[in-house]
Every structure is written in C-alpha cells, then in structure tokens.
Amino acid sequence: VTAGSTPEIGRKVDDLYKSVIIAGT
C-alpha cells in the first residue's frame, strides 16, 4: 500500500515501490 501528501507525490511513491515490489502496489 502506498500514499503521498499530494496526488503527484502519491504517484512518485507508488512508482518507487512498484519498481522493486514483484507483488505490485
């Protein structure tokens, strides 16, 4: 599960974890 303080930051945080988490986000 991911989240950010703004929609844009949420996508950045999500992309960061998505780049290494095989199971997805």
mmCIF file of all heavy atoms, coordinates in Angstrom:
data_MODEL
# 
_entry.id   MODEL 
# 
loop_
_atom_site.group_PDB 
_atom_site.id 
_atom_site.type_symbol 
_atom_site.label_atom_id 
_atom_site.label_alt_id 
_atom_site.label_comp_id 
_atom_site.label_asym_id 
_atom_site.label_entity_id 
_atom_site.label_seq_id 
_atom_site.pdbx_PDB_ins_code 
_atom_site.Cartn_x 
_atom_site.Cartn_y 
_atom_site.Cartn_z 
_atom_site.occupancy 
_atom_site.B_iso_or_equiv 
_atom_site.pdbx_formal_charge 
_atom_site.auth_seq_id 
_atom_site.auth_comp_id 
_atom_site.auth_asym_id 
_atom_site.auth_atom_id 
_atom_site.pdbx_PDB_model_num 
ATOM 1   N N   . VAL A 1 1  ? 0.856  -1.180  0.000   1.00 0.00 ? 1  VAL A N   1 
ATOM 2   C CA  . VAL A 1 1  ? 0.000  0.000   0.000   1.00 0.00 ? 1  VAL A CA  1 
ATOM 3   C C   . VAL A 1 1  ? 0.896  1.235   0.000   1.00 0.00 ? 1  VAL A C   1 
ATOM 4   O O   . VAL A 1 1  ? 1.873  1.304   0.751   1.00 0.00 ? 1  VAL A O   1 
ATOM 5   C CB  . VAL A 1 1  ? -0.944 0.010   1.216   1.00 0.00 ? 1  VAL A CB  1 
ATOM 6   C CG1 . VAL A 1 1  ? -1.719 1.329   1.292   1.00 0.00 ? 1  VAL A CG1 1 
ATOM 7   C CG2 . VAL A 1 1  ? -1.915 -1.163  1.146   1.00 0.00 ? 1  VAL A CG2 1 
ATOM 8   N N   . THR A 1 2  ? 0.573  2.210   -0.830  1.00 0.00 ? 2  THR A N   1 
ATOM 9   C CA  . THR A 1 2  ? 1.364  3.429   -0.923  1.00 0.00 ? 2  THR A CA  1 
ATOM 10  C C   . THR A 1 2  ? 0.450  4.643   -0.838  1.00 0.00 ? 2  THR A C   1 
ATOM 11  O O   . THR A 1 2  ? -0.745 4.561   -1.099  1.00 0.00 ? 2  THR A O   1 
ATOM 12  C CB  . THR A 1 2  ? 2.154  3.488   -2.242  1.00 0.00 ? 2  THR A CB  1 
ATOM 13  O OG1 . THR A 1 2  ? 1.217  3.426   -3.346  1.00 0.00 ? 2  THR A OG1 1 
ATOM 14  C CG2 . THR A 1 2  ? 3.133  2.326   -2.352  1.00 0.00 ? 2  THR A CG2 1 
ATOM 15  N N   . ALA A 1 3  ? 1.034  5.780   -0.497  1.00 0.00 ? 3  ALA A N   1 
ATOM 16  C CA  . ALA A 1 3  ? 0.273  7.030   -0.436  1.00 0.00 ? 3  ALA A CA  1 
ATOM 17  C C   . ALA A 1 3  ? 1.244  8.193   -0.421  1.00 0.00 ? 3  ALA A C   1 
ATOM 18  O O   . ALA A 1 3  ? 2.399  8.061   0.000   1.00 0.00 ? 3  ALA A O   1 
ATOM 19  C CB  . ALA A 1 3  ? -0.626 7.075   0.798   1.00 0.00 ? 3  ALA A CB  1 
ATOM 20  N N   . GLY A 1 4  ? 0.772  9.361   -0.872  1.00 0.00 ? 4  GLY A N   1 
ATOM 21  C CA  . GLY A 1 4  ? 1.585  10.567  -0.853  1.00 0.00 ? 4  GLY A CA  1 
ATOM 22  C C   . GLY A 1 4  ? 0.784  11.762  -0.375  1.00 0.00 ? 4  GLY A C   1 
ATOM 23  O O   . GLY A 1 4  ? -0.457 11.732  -0.345  1.00 0.00 ? 4  GLY A O   1 
ATOM 24  N N   . SER A 1 5  ? 1.479  12.824  0.006   1.00 0.00 ? 5  SER A N   1 
ATOM 25  C CA  . SER A 1 5  ? 0.823  14.016  0.555   1.00 0.00 ? 5  SER A CA  1 
ATOM 26  C C   . SER A 1 5  ? 0.133  14.855  -0.515  1.00 0.00 ? 5  SER A C   1 
ATOM 27  O O   . SER A 1 5  ? -0.660 15.741  -0.195  1.00 0.00 ? 5  SER A O   1 
ATOM 28  C CB  . SER A 1 5  ? 1.828  14.867  1.331   1.00 0.00 ? 5  SER A CB  1 
ATOM 29  O OG  . SER A 1 5  ? 2.958  15.197  0.527   1.00 0.00 ? 5  SER A OG  1 
ATOM 30  N N   . THR A 1 6  ? 0.431  14.610  -1.788  1.00 0.00 ? 6  THR A N   1 
ATOM 31  C CA  . THR A 1 6  ? -0.296 15.193  -2.917  1.00 0.00 ? 6  THR A CA  1 
ATOM 32  C C   . THR A 1 6  ? -0.490 14.082  -3.947  1.00 0.00 ? 6  THR A C   1 
ATOM 33  O O   . THR A 1 6  ? 0.224  13.075  -3.913  1.00 0.00 ? 6  THR A O   1 
ATOM 34  C CB  . THR A 1 6  ? 0.478  16.356  -3.575  1.00 0.00 ? 6  THR A CB  1 
ATOM 35  O OG1 . THR A 1 6  ? 1.628  15.823  -4.253  1.00 0.00 ? 6  THR A OG1 1 
ATOM 36  C CG2 . THR A 1 6  ? 0.915  17.390  -2.541  1.00 0.00 ? 6  THR A CG2 1 
ATOM 37  N N   . PRO A 1 7  ? -1.421 14.237  -4.874  1.00 0.00 ? 7  PRO A N   1 
ATOM 38  C CA  . PRO A 1 7  ? -1.600 13.201  -5.900  1.00 0.00 ? 7  PRO A CA  1 
ATOM 39  C C   . PRO A 1 7  ? -0.322 12.910  -6.678  1.00 0.00 ? 7  PRO A C   1 
ATOM 40  O O   . PRO A 1 7  ? -0.012 11.739  -6.966  1.00 0.00 ? 7  PRO A O   1 
ATOM 41  C CB  . PRO A 1 7  ? -2.689 13.794  -6.800  1.00 0.00 ? 7  PRO A CB  1 
ATOM 42  C CG  . PRO A 1 7  ? -3.473 14.690  -5.897  1.00 0.00 ? 7  PRO A CG  1 
ATOM 43  C CD  . PRO A 1 7  ? -2.469 15.280  -4.954  1.00 0.00 ? 7  PRO A CD  1 
ATOM 44  N N   . GLU A 1 8  ? 0.429  13.938  -7.037  1.00 0.00 ? 8  GLU A N   1 
ATOM 45  C CA  . GLU A 1 8  ? 1.667  13.741  -7.778  1.00 0.00 ? 8  GLU A CA  1 
ATOM 46  C C   . GLU A 1 8  ? 2.682  12.962  -6.955  1.00 0.00 ? 8  GLU A C   1 
ATOM 47  O O   . GLU A 1 8  ? 3.336  12.036  -7.462  1.00 0.00 ? 8  GLU A O   1 
ATOM 48  C CB  . GLU A 1 8  ? 2.258  15.090  -8.181  1.00 0.00 ? 8  GLU A CB  1 
ATOM 49  C CG  . GLU A 1 8  ? 3.559  14.958  -8.981  1.00 0.00 ? 8  GLU A CG  1 
ATOM 50  C CD  . GLU A 1 8  ? 4.241  16.286  -9.253  1.00 0.00 ? 8  GLU A CD  1 
ATOM 51  O OE1 . GLU A 1 8  ? 3.705  17.330  -8.821  1.00 0.00 ? 8  GLU A OE1 1 
ATOM 52  O OE2 . GLU A 1 8  ? 5.324  16.291  -9.879  1.00 0.00 ? 8  GLU A OE2 1 
ATOM 53  N N   . ILE A 1 9  ? 2.832  13.310  -5.675  1.00 0.00 ? 9  ILE A N   1 
ATOM 54  C CA  . ILE A 1 9  ? 3.783  12.615  -4.802  1.00 0.00 ? 9  ILE A CA  1 
ATOM 55  C C   . ILE A 1 9  ? 3.330  11.183  -4.565  1.00 0.00 ? 9  ILE A C   1 
ATOM 56  O O   . ILE A 1 9  ? 4.154  10.263  -4.500  1.00 0.00 ? 9  ILE A O   1 
ATOM 57  C CB  . ILE A 1 9  ? 3.957  13.369  -3.473  1.00 0.00 ? 9  ILE A CB  1 
ATOM 58  C CG1 . ILE A 1 9  ? 4.560  14.750  -3.731  1.00 0.00 ? 9  ILE A CG1 1 
ATOM 59  C CG2 . ILE A 1 9  ? 4.831  12.584  -2.509  1.00 0.00 ? 9  ILE A CG2 1 
ATOM 60  C CD1 . ILE A 1 9  ? 5.897  14.724  -4.463  1.00 0.00 ? 9  ILE A CD1 1 
ATOM 61  N N   . GLY A 1 10 ? 2.019  10.976  -4.460  1.00 0.00 ? 10 GLY A N   1 
ATOM 62  C CA  . GLY A 1 10 ? 1.492  9.620   -4.326  1.00 0.00 ? 10 GLY A CA  1 
ATOM 63  C C   . GLY A 1 10 ? 1.935  8.741   -5.482  1.00 0.00 ? 10 GLY A C   1 
ATOM 64  O O   . GLY A 1 10 ? 2.347  7.591   -5.286  1.00 0.00 ? 10 GLY A O   1 
ATOM 65  N N   . ARG A 1 11 ? 1.875  9.286   -6.700  1.00 0.00 ? 11 ARG A N   1 
ATOM 66  C CA  . ARG A 1 11 ? 2.302  8.520   -7.881  1.00 0.00 ? 11 ARG A CA  1 
ATOM 67  C C   . ARG A 1 11 ? 3.807  8.257   -7.848  1.00 0.00 ? 11 ARG A C   1 
ATOM 68  O O   . ARG A 1 11 ? 4.271  7.173   -8.226  1.00 0.00 ? 11 ARG A O   1 
ATOM 69  C CB  . ARG A 1 11 ? 1.902  9.259   -9.157  1.00 0.00 ? 11 ARG A CB  1 
ATOM 70  C CG  . ARG A 1 11 ? 0.395  9.247   -9.422  1.00 0.00 ? 11 ARG A CG  1 
ATOM 71  C CD  . ARG A 1 11 ? 0.062  9.794   -10.803 1.00 0.00 ? 11 ARG A CD  1 
ATOM 72  N NE  . ARG A 1 11 ? 0.349  11.220  -10.919 1.00 0.00 ? 11 ARG A NE  1 
ATOM 73  C CZ  . ARG A 1 11 ? -0.510 12.185  -10.615 1.00 0.00 ? 11 ARG A CZ  1 
ATOM 74  N NH1 . ARG A 1 11 ? -1.719 11.891  -10.171 1.00 0.00 ? 11 ARG A NH1 1 
ATOM 75  N NH2 . ARG A 1 11 ? -0.179 13.464  -10.766 1.00 0.00 ? 11 ARG A NH2 1 
ATOM 76  N N   . LYS A 1 12 ? 4.577  9.235   -7.369  1.00 0.00 ? 12 LYS A N   1 
ATOM 77  C CA  . LYS A 1 12 ? 6.032  9.050   -7.266  1.00 0.00 ? 12 LYS A CA  1 
ATOM 78  C C   . LYS A 1 12 ? 6.376  7.954   -6.249  1.00 0.00 ? 12 LYS A C   1 
ATOM 79  O O   . LYS A 1 12 ? 7.240  7.113   -6.504  1.00 0.00 ? 12 LYS A O   1 
ATOM 80  C CB  . LYS A 1 12 ? 6.708  10.359  -6.876  1.00 0.00 ? 12 LYS A CB  1 
ATOM 81  C CG  . LYS A 1 12 ? 6.844  11.365  -8.010  1.00 0.00 ? 12 LYS A CG  1 
ATOM 82  C CD  . LYS A 1 12 ? 7.711  12.542  -7.580  1.00 0.00 ? 12 LYS A CD  1 
ATOM 83  C CE  . LYS A 1 12 ? 7.959  13.496  -8.743  1.00 0.00 ? 12 LYS A CE  1 
ATOM 84  N NZ  . LYS A 1 12 ? 8.858  14.611  -8.360  1.00 0.00 ? 12 LYS A NZ  1 
ATOM 85  N N   . VAL A 1 13 ? 5.725  8.001   -5.097  1.00 0.00 ? 13 VAL A N   1 
ATOM 86  C CA  . VAL A 1 13 ? 5.952  6.985   -4.074  1.00 0.00 ? 13 VAL A CA  1 
ATOM 87  C C   . VAL A 1 13 ? 5.546  5.614   -4.597  1.00 0.00 ? 13 VAL A C   1 
ATOM 88  O O   . VAL A 1 13 ? 6.255  4.620   -4.434  1.00 0.00 ? 13 VAL A O   1 
ATOM 89  C CB  . VAL A 1 13 ? 5.182  7.326   -2.778  1.00 0.00 ? 13 VAL A CB  1 
ATOM 90  C CG1 . VAL A 1 13 ? 5.259  6.173   -1.781  1.00 0.00 ? 13 VAL A CG1 1 
ATOM 91  C CG2 . VAL A 1 13 ? 5.724  8.608   -2.157  1.00 0.00 ? 13 VAL A CG2 1 
ATOM 92  N N   . ASP A 1 14 ? 4.398  5.575   -5.263  1.00 0.00 ? 14 ASP A N   1 
ATOM 93  C CA  . ASP A 1 14 ? 3.908  4.316   -5.827  1.00 0.00 ? 14 ASP A CA  1 
ATOM 94  C C   . ASP A 1 14 ? 4.873  3.762   -6.865  1.00 0.00 ? 14 ASP A C   1 
ATOM 95  O O   . ASP A 1 14 ? 5.175  2.565   -6.878  1.00 0.00 ? 14 ASP A O   1 
ATOM 96  C CB  . ASP A 1 14 ? 2.520  4.529   -6.437  1.00 0.00 ? 14 ASP A CB  1 
ATOM 97  C CG  . ASP A 1 14 ? 1.821  3.223   -6.767  1.00 0.00 ? 14 ASP A CG  1 
ATOM 98  O OD1 . ASP A 1 14 ? 1.543  2.446   -5.841  1.00 0.00 ? 14 ASP A OD1 1 
ATOM 99  O OD2 . ASP A 1 14 ? 1.568  2.973   -7.970  1.00 0.00 ? 14 ASP A OD2 1 
ATOM 100 N N   . ASP A 1 15 ? 5.377  4.636   -7.748  1.00 0.00 ? 15 ASP A N   1 
ATOM 101 C CA  . ASP A 1 15 ? 6.323  4.198   -8.780  1.00 0.00 ? 15 ASP A CA  1 
ATOM 102 C C   . ASP A 1 15 ? 7.621  3.679   -8.160  1.00 0.00 ? 15 ASP A C   1 
ATOM 103 O O   . ASP A 1 15 ? 8.213  2.710   -8.663  1.00 0.00 ? 15 ASP A O   1 
ATOM 104 C CB  . ASP A 1 15 ? 6.640  5.352   -9.731  1.00 0.00 ? 15 ASP A CB  1 
ATOM 105 C CG  . ASP A 1 15 ? 5.479  5.682   -10.665 1.00 0.00 ? 15 ASP A CG  1 
ATOM 106 O OD1 . ASP A 1 15 ? 4.569  4.838   -10.816 1.00 0.00 ? 15 ASP A OD1 1 
ATOM 107 O OD2 . ASP A 1 15 ? 5.475  6.798   -11.237 1.00 0.00 ? 15 ASP A OD2 1 
ATOM 108 N N   . LEU A 1 16 ? 8.054  4.317   -7.076  1.00 0.00 ? 16 LEU A N   1 
ATOM 109 C CA  . LEU A 1 16 ? 9.285  3.883   -6.412  1.00 0.00 ? 16 LEU A CA  1 
ATOM 110 C C   . LEU A 1 16 ? 9.162  2.452   -5.919  1.00 0.00 ? 16 LEU A C   1 
ATOM 111 O O   . LEU A 1 16 ? 10.021 1.605   -6.197  1.00 0.00 ? 16 LEU A O   1 
ATOM 112 C CB  . LEU A 1 16 ? 9.617  4.815   -5.247  1.00 0.00 ? 16 LEU A CB  1 
ATOM 113 C CG  . LEU A 1 16 ? 10.886 4.465   -4.452  1.00 0.00 ? 16 LEU A CG  1 
ATOM 114 C CD1 . LEU A 1 16 ? 12.135 4.703   -5.294  1.00 0.00 ? 16 LEU A CD1 1 
ATOM 115 C CD2 . LEU A 1 16 ? 10.956 5.259   -3.146  1.00 0.00 ? 16 LEU A CD2 1 
ATOM 116 N N   . TYR A 1 17 ? 8.086  2.173   -5.192  1.00 0.00 ? 17 TYR A N   1 
ATOM 117 C CA  . TYR A 1 17 ? 7.900  0.827   -4.665  1.00 0.00 ? 17 TYR A CA  1 
ATOM 118 C C   . TYR A 1 17 ? 7.563  -0.171  -5.777  1.00 0.00 ? 17 TYR A C   1 
ATOM 119 O O   . TYR A 1 17 ? 8.005  -1.325  -5.750  1.00 0.00 ? 17 TYR A O   1 
ATOM 120 C CB  . TYR A 1 17 ? 6.800  0.823   -3.603  1.00 0.00 ? 17 TYR A CB  1 
ATOM 121 C CG  . TYR A 1 17 ? 7.256  1.346   -2.258  1.00 0.00 ? 17 TYR A CG  1 
ATOM 122 C CD1 . TYR A 1 17 ? 7.042  2.672   -1.895  1.00 0.00 ? 17 TYR A CD1 1 
ATOM 123 C CD2 . TYR A 1 17 ? 7.911  0.517   -1.363  1.00 0.00 ? 17 TYR A CD2 1 
ATOM 124 C CE1 . TYR A 1 17 ? 7.459  3.164   -0.676  1.00 0.00 ? 17 TYR A CE1 1 
ATOM 125 C CE2 . TYR A 1 17 ? 8.335  0.993   -0.124  1.00 0.00 ? 17 TYR A CE2 1 
ATOM 126 C CZ  . TYR A 1 17 ? 8.112  2.317   0.204   1.00 0.00 ? 17 TYR A CZ  1 
ATOM 127 O OH  . TYR A 1 17 ? 8.535  2.804   1.424   1.00 0.00 ? 17 TYR A OH  1 
ATOM 128 N N   . LYS A 1 18 ? 6.798  0.264   -6.751  1.00 0.00 ? 18 LYS A N   1 
ATOM 129 C CA  . LYS A 1 18 ? 6.418  -0.612  -7.855  1.00 0.00 ? 18 LYS A CA  1 
ATOM 130 C C   . LYS A 1 18 ? 7.643  -1.106  -8.619  1.00 0.00 ? 18 LYS A C   1 
ATOM 131 O O   . LYS A 1 18 ? 7.623  -2.189  -9.200  1.00 0.00 ? 18 LYS A O   1 
ATOM 132 C CB  . LYS A 1 18 ? 5.470  0.131   -8.803  1.00 0.00 ? 18 LYS A CB  1 
ATOM 133 C CG  . LYS A 1 18 ? 4.721  -0.766  -9.794  1.00 0.00 ? 18 LYS A CG  1 
ATOM 134 C CD  . LYS A 1 18 ? 3.813  0.069   -10.696 1.00 0.00 ? 18 LYS A CD  1 
ATOM 135 C CE  . LYS A 1 18 ? 2.670  0.669   -9.917  1.00 0.00 ? 18 LYS A CE  1 
ATOM 136 N NZ  . LYS A 1 18 ? 1.741  1.454   -10.772 1.00 0.00 ? 18 LYS A NZ  1 
ATOM 137 N N   . SER A 1 19 ? 8.722  -0.331  -8.596  1.00 0.00 ? 19 SER A N   1 
ATOM 138 C CA  . SER A 1 19 ? 9.926  -0.699  -9.337  1.00 0.00 ? 19 SER A CA  1 
ATOM 139 C C   . SER A 1 19 ? 10.657 -1.893  -8.726  1.00 0.00 ? 19 SER A C   1 
ATOM 140 O O   . SER A 1 19 ? 11.492 -2.509  -9.398  1.00 0.00 ? 19 SER A O   1 
ATOM 141 C CB  . SER A 1 19 ? 10.876 0.500   -9.434  1.00 0.00 ? 19 SER A CB  1 
ATOM 142 O OG  . SER A 1 19 ? 11.428 0.826   -8.152  1.00 0.00 ? 19 SER A OG  1 
ATOM 143 N N   . VAL A 1 20 ? 10.362 -2.244  -7.464  1.00 0.00 ? 20 VAL A N   1 
ATOM 144 C CA  . VAL A 1 20 ? 11.051 -3.372  -6.814  1.00 0.00 ? 20 VAL A CA  1 
ATOM 145 C C   . VAL A 1 20 ? 10.106 -4.412  -6.224  1.00 0.00 ? 20 VAL A C   1 
ATOM 146 O O   . VAL A 1 20 ? 10.523 -5.539  -5.936  1.00 0.00 ? 20 VAL A O   1 
ATOM 147 C CB  . VAL A 1 20 ? 12.017 -2.878  -5.706  1.00 0.00 ? 20 VAL A CB  1 
ATOM 148 C CG1 . VAL A 1 20 ? 13.162 -2.084  -6.305  1.00 0.00 ? 20 VAL A CG1 1 
ATOM 149 C CG2 . VAL A 1 20 ? 11.286 -2.082  -4.635  1.00 0.00 ? 20 VAL A CG2 1 
ATOM 150 N N   . ILE A 1 21 ? 8.842  -4.054  -6.007  1.00 0.00 ? 21 ILE A N   1 
ATOM 151 C CA  . ILE A 1 21 ? 7.888  -4.979  -5.400  1.00 0.00 ? 21 ILE A CA  1 
ATOM 152 C C   . ILE A 1 21 ? 7.237  -5.840  -6.479  1.00 0.00 ? 21 ILE A C   1 
ATOM 153 O O   . ILE A 1 21 ? 6.449  -5.343  -7.294  1.00 0.00 ? 21 ILE A O   1 
ATOM 154 C CB  . ILE A 1 21 ? 6.797  -4.230  -4.597  1.00 0.00 ? 21 ILE A CB  1 
ATOM 155 C CG1 . ILE A 1 21 ? 7.412  -3.367  -3.500  1.00 0.00 ? 21 ILE A CG1 1 
ATOM 156 C CG2 . ILE A 1 21 ? 5.806  -5.233  -4.008  1.00 0.00 ? 21 ILE A CG2 1 
ATOM 157 C CD1 . ILE A 1 21 ? 8.091  -4.114  -2.395  1.00 0.00 ? 21 ILE A CD1 1 
ATOM 158 N N   . ILE A 1 22 ? 7.563  -7.112  -6.510  1.00 0.00 ? 22 ILE A N   1 
ATOM 159 C CA  . ILE A 1 22 ? 7.054  -8.031  -7.526  1.00 0.00 ? 22 ILE A CA  1 
ATOM 160 C C   . ILE A 1 22 ? 5.530  -8.162  -7.450  1.00 0.00 ? 22 ILE A C   1 
ATOM 161 O O   . ILE A 1 22 ? 4.846  -8.236  -8.467  1.00 0.00 ? 22 ILE A O   1 
ATOM 162 C CB  . ILE A 1 22 ? 7.709  -9.418  -7.367  1.00 0.00 ? 22 ILE A CB  1 
ATOM 163 C CG1 . ILE A 1 22 ? 9.219  -9.318  -7.542  1.00 0.00 ? 22 ILE A CG1 1 
ATOM 164 C CG2 . ILE A 1 22 ? 7.121  -10.417 -8.352  1.00 0.00 ? 22 ILE A CG2 1 
ATOM 165 C CD1 . ILE A 1 22 ? 9.963  -10.592 -7.172  1.00 0.00 ? 22 ILE A CD1 1 
ATOM 166 N N   . ALA A 1 23 ? 5.005  -8.176  -6.213  1.00 0.00 ? 23 ALA A N   1 
ATOM 167 C CA  . ALA A 1 23 ? 3.571  -8.391  -6.000  1.00 0.00 ? 23 ALA A CA  1 
ATOM 168 C C   . ALA A 1 23 ? 2.718  -7.203  -6.418  1.00 0.00 ? 23 ALA A C   1 
ATOM 169 O O   . ALA A 1 23 ? 1.493  -7.313  -6.500  1.00 0.00 ? 23 ALA A O   1 
ATOM 170 C CB  . ALA A 1 23 ? 3.304  -8.736  -4.538  1.00 0.00 ? 23 ALA A CB  1 
ATOM 171 N N   . GLY A 1 24 ? 3.361  -6.061  -6.664  1.00 0.00 ? 24 GLY A N   1 
ATOM 172 C CA  . GLY A 1 24 ? 2.615  -4.883  -7.076  1.00 0.00 ? 24 GLY A CA  1 
ATOM 173 C C   . GLY A 1 24 ? 2.297  -3.959  -5.918  1.00 0.00 ? 24 GLY A C   1 
ATOM 174 O O   . GLY A 1 24 ? 2.697  -4.185  -4.771  1.00 0.00 ? 24 GLY A O   1 
ATOM 175 N N   . THR A 1 25 ? 1.553  -2.899  -6.214  1.00 0.00 ? 25 THR A N   1 
ATOM 176 C CA  . THR A 1 25 ? 1.220  -1.881  -5.219  1.00 0.00 ? 25 THR A CA  1 
ATOM 177 C C   . THR A 1 25 ? -0.244 -1.485  -5.314  1.00 0.00 ? 25 THR A C   1 
ATOM 178 O O   . THR A 1 25 ? -0.918 -1.756  -6.308  1.00 0.00 ? 25 THR A O   1 
ATOM 179 C CB  . THR A 1 25 ? 2.073  -0.610  -5.424  1.00 0.00 ? 25 THR A CB  1 
ATOM 180 O OG1 . THR A 1 25 ? 1.804  -0.092  -6.736  1.00 0.00 ? 25 THR A OG1 1 
ATOM 181 C CG2 . THR A 1 25 ? 3.551  -0.902  -5.275  1.00 0.00 ? 25 THR A CG2 1 
# 
